[in-house]
Protein backbone atom coordinates (compact mmCIF):
# COMPACT_ATOMS: atom_id res chain seq x y z
CA GLN A 1 -18.26 -19.46 97.03
CA VAL A 2 -17.95 -17.97 100.53
CA GLN A 3 -17.47 -14.29 101.31
CA LEU A 4 -16.23 -12.72 104.55
CA VAL A 5 -16.76 -8.99 105.13
CA GLU A 6 -15.04 -7.18 108.00
CA SER A 7 -16.17 -3.86 109.45
CA GLY A 8 -15.60 -1.64 112.47
CA GLY A 9 -12.03 -0.51 111.91
CA GLY A 10 -10.96 3.08 112.24
CA LEU A 11 -8.74 5.59 114.00
CA VAL A 12 -8.69 5.79 117.79
CA GLN A 13 -6.38 7.25 120.40
CA ALA A 14 -4.37 5.11 122.79
CA GLY A 15 -6.55 3.68 125.54
CA GLY A 16 -9.65 3.67 123.38
CA SER A 17 -11.82 0.82 122.14
CA LEU A 18 -13.12 -0.63 118.88
CA ARG A 19 -15.35 -3.56 118.01
CA LEU A 20 -14.72 -5.43 114.77
CA SER A 21 -17.32 -7.59 113.03
CA CYS A 22 -16.99 -10.22 110.32
CA VAL A 23 -20.03 -11.63 108.54
CA ALA A 24 -19.83 -14.79 106.45
CA SER A 25 -22.18 -15.45 103.55
CA GLY A 26 -22.50 -17.82 100.61
CA SER A 27 -22.22 -21.59 100.46
CA ILE A 28 -21.68 -22.21 104.17
CA PHE A 29 -21.92 -25.77 105.40
CA SER A 30 -20.89 -25.80 109.05
CA ILE A 31 -18.43 -23.35 110.61
CA THR A 32 -15.97 -24.96 113.00
CA VAL A 33 -13.41 -22.25 113.75
CA MET A 34 -13.36 -18.48 113.33
CA SER A 35 -10.28 -16.37 113.92
CA TRP A 36 -8.89 -12.86 113.78
CA TYR A 37 -5.42 -12.25 112.36
CA ARG A 38 -3.55 -8.99 112.05
CA GLN A 39 -0.65 -7.68 110.01
CA ALA A 40 1.31 -4.59 111.02
CA PRO A 41 3.53 -2.67 108.58
CA GLY A 42 6.73 -4.57 107.89
CA LYS A 43 5.63 -7.62 109.87
CA GLN A 44 4.20 -11.04 109.09
CA ARG A 45 0.54 -11.80 109.61
CA GLU A 46 -0.09 -13.18 113.10
CA LEU A 47 -2.97 -14.90 114.84
CA ALA A 48 -4.59 -12.62 117.40
CA ALA A 49 -7.58 -14.67 118.59
CA THR A 50 -9.57 -17.77 117.71
CA ILE A 51 -12.85 -19.34 118.79
CA THR A 52 -14.08 -22.89 118.15
CA SER A 53 -17.61 -24.18 117.58
CA ALA A 54 -17.65 -25.24 121.24
CA GLY A 55 -16.84 -21.71 122.36
CA SER A 56 -13.23 -22.28 123.40
CA THR A 57 -11.04 -19.21 122.89
CA ASN A 58 -7.33 -18.57 122.56
CA TYR A 59 -5.39 -15.31 122.38
CA ALA A 60 -1.94 -14.14 121.49
CA ASP A 61 0.03 -13.00 124.53
CA SER A 62 0.17 -9.49 123.10
CA VAL A 63 -3.64 -9.05 123.23
CA LYS A 64 -4.69 -11.32 126.09
CA GLY A 65 -6.61 -9.43 128.76
CA ARG A 66 -7.49 -6.60 126.37
CA PHE A 67 -9.25 -8.29 123.43
CA THR A 68 -12.30 -10.58 123.49
CA ILE A 69 -13.45 -12.78 120.62
CA SER A 70 -17.06 -13.95 120.39
CA ARG A 71 -19.40 -15.45 117.80
CA ASP A 72 -23.05 -15.54 116.85
CA ASN A 73 -23.61 -18.87 115.14
CA ALA A 74 -27.10 -17.98 113.91
CA LYS A 75 -25.71 -14.94 112.09
CA ASN A 76 -22.45 -16.55 110.93
CA THR A 77 -20.65 -13.63 112.55
CA VAL A 78 -17.51 -13.27 114.64
CA TYR A 79 -16.62 -10.20 116.71
CA LEU A 80 -13.45 -8.82 118.22
CA GLN A 81 -13.85 -6.37 121.10
CA MET A 82 -10.62 -4.42 121.50
CA ASN A 83 -10.07 -2.41 124.68
CA SER A 84 -7.10 -0.46 126.05
CA LEU A 85 -5.71 -0.10 122.55
CA LYS A 86 -2.02 0.65 122.09
CA PRO A 87 -0.14 2.12 119.12
CA GLU A 88 1.43 -1.30 118.55
CA ASP A 89 -2.06 -2.68 117.84
CA THR A 90 -2.07 -0.69 114.59
CA ALA A 91 -2.54 -3.21 111.77
CA VAL A 92 -4.88 -4.53 109.13
CA TYR A 93 -7.17 -7.04 110.82
CA TYR A 94 -8.41 -10.07 108.87
CA CYS A 95 -11.02 -12.64 109.77
CA ARG A 96 -10.68 -16.29 108.80
CA MET A 97 -13.34 -18.99 108.74
CA ILE A 98 -12.91 -22.75 108.53
CA ASP A 99 -15.92 -24.52 107.05
CA ARG A 100 -15.43 -27.23 104.43
CA GLY A 101 -12.45 -25.11 103.43
CA ALA A 102 -10.64 -22.04 104.74
CA TYR A 103 -11.67 -18.48 103.78
CA TRP A 104 -10.26 -15.00 104.34
CA GLY A 105 -11.80 -11.56 104.46
CA GLN A 106 -10.28 -8.51 102.78
CA GLY A 107 -9.25 -6.85 106.03
CA THR A 108 -10.11 -3.69 107.95
CA GLN A 109 -7.61 -1.04 109.05
CA VAL A 110 -7.14 -0.25 112.73
CA THR A 111 -4.96 2.73 113.61
CA VAL A 112 -4.13 3.74 117.18
CA SER A 113 -2.60 7.19 117.59
CA SER A 114 -0.01 8.47 120.07
């Protein structure tokens, strides 16, 4: 059993910043990939950012240059620093971890006003 818990979501105005965290716990063997997905109202869930065990990162075009994904392997934690937020970034953000299997968190709400 593996659990992922996201935190850091909230309400901000356009142009503001938030930092999301996701902590993994339980029967963890060896994490290879950690990712952040998001799902806006009426839209399908999409991949926003991913980071490999080697530290390679990839971003969706919609967030590139504004968001930064990072990880702390010792703490089994992944972060998403979100800057220059726009109303279209409003979504539920989910973290995903690939270990011996794939696991999802419950999500954290991010709302950007105006």
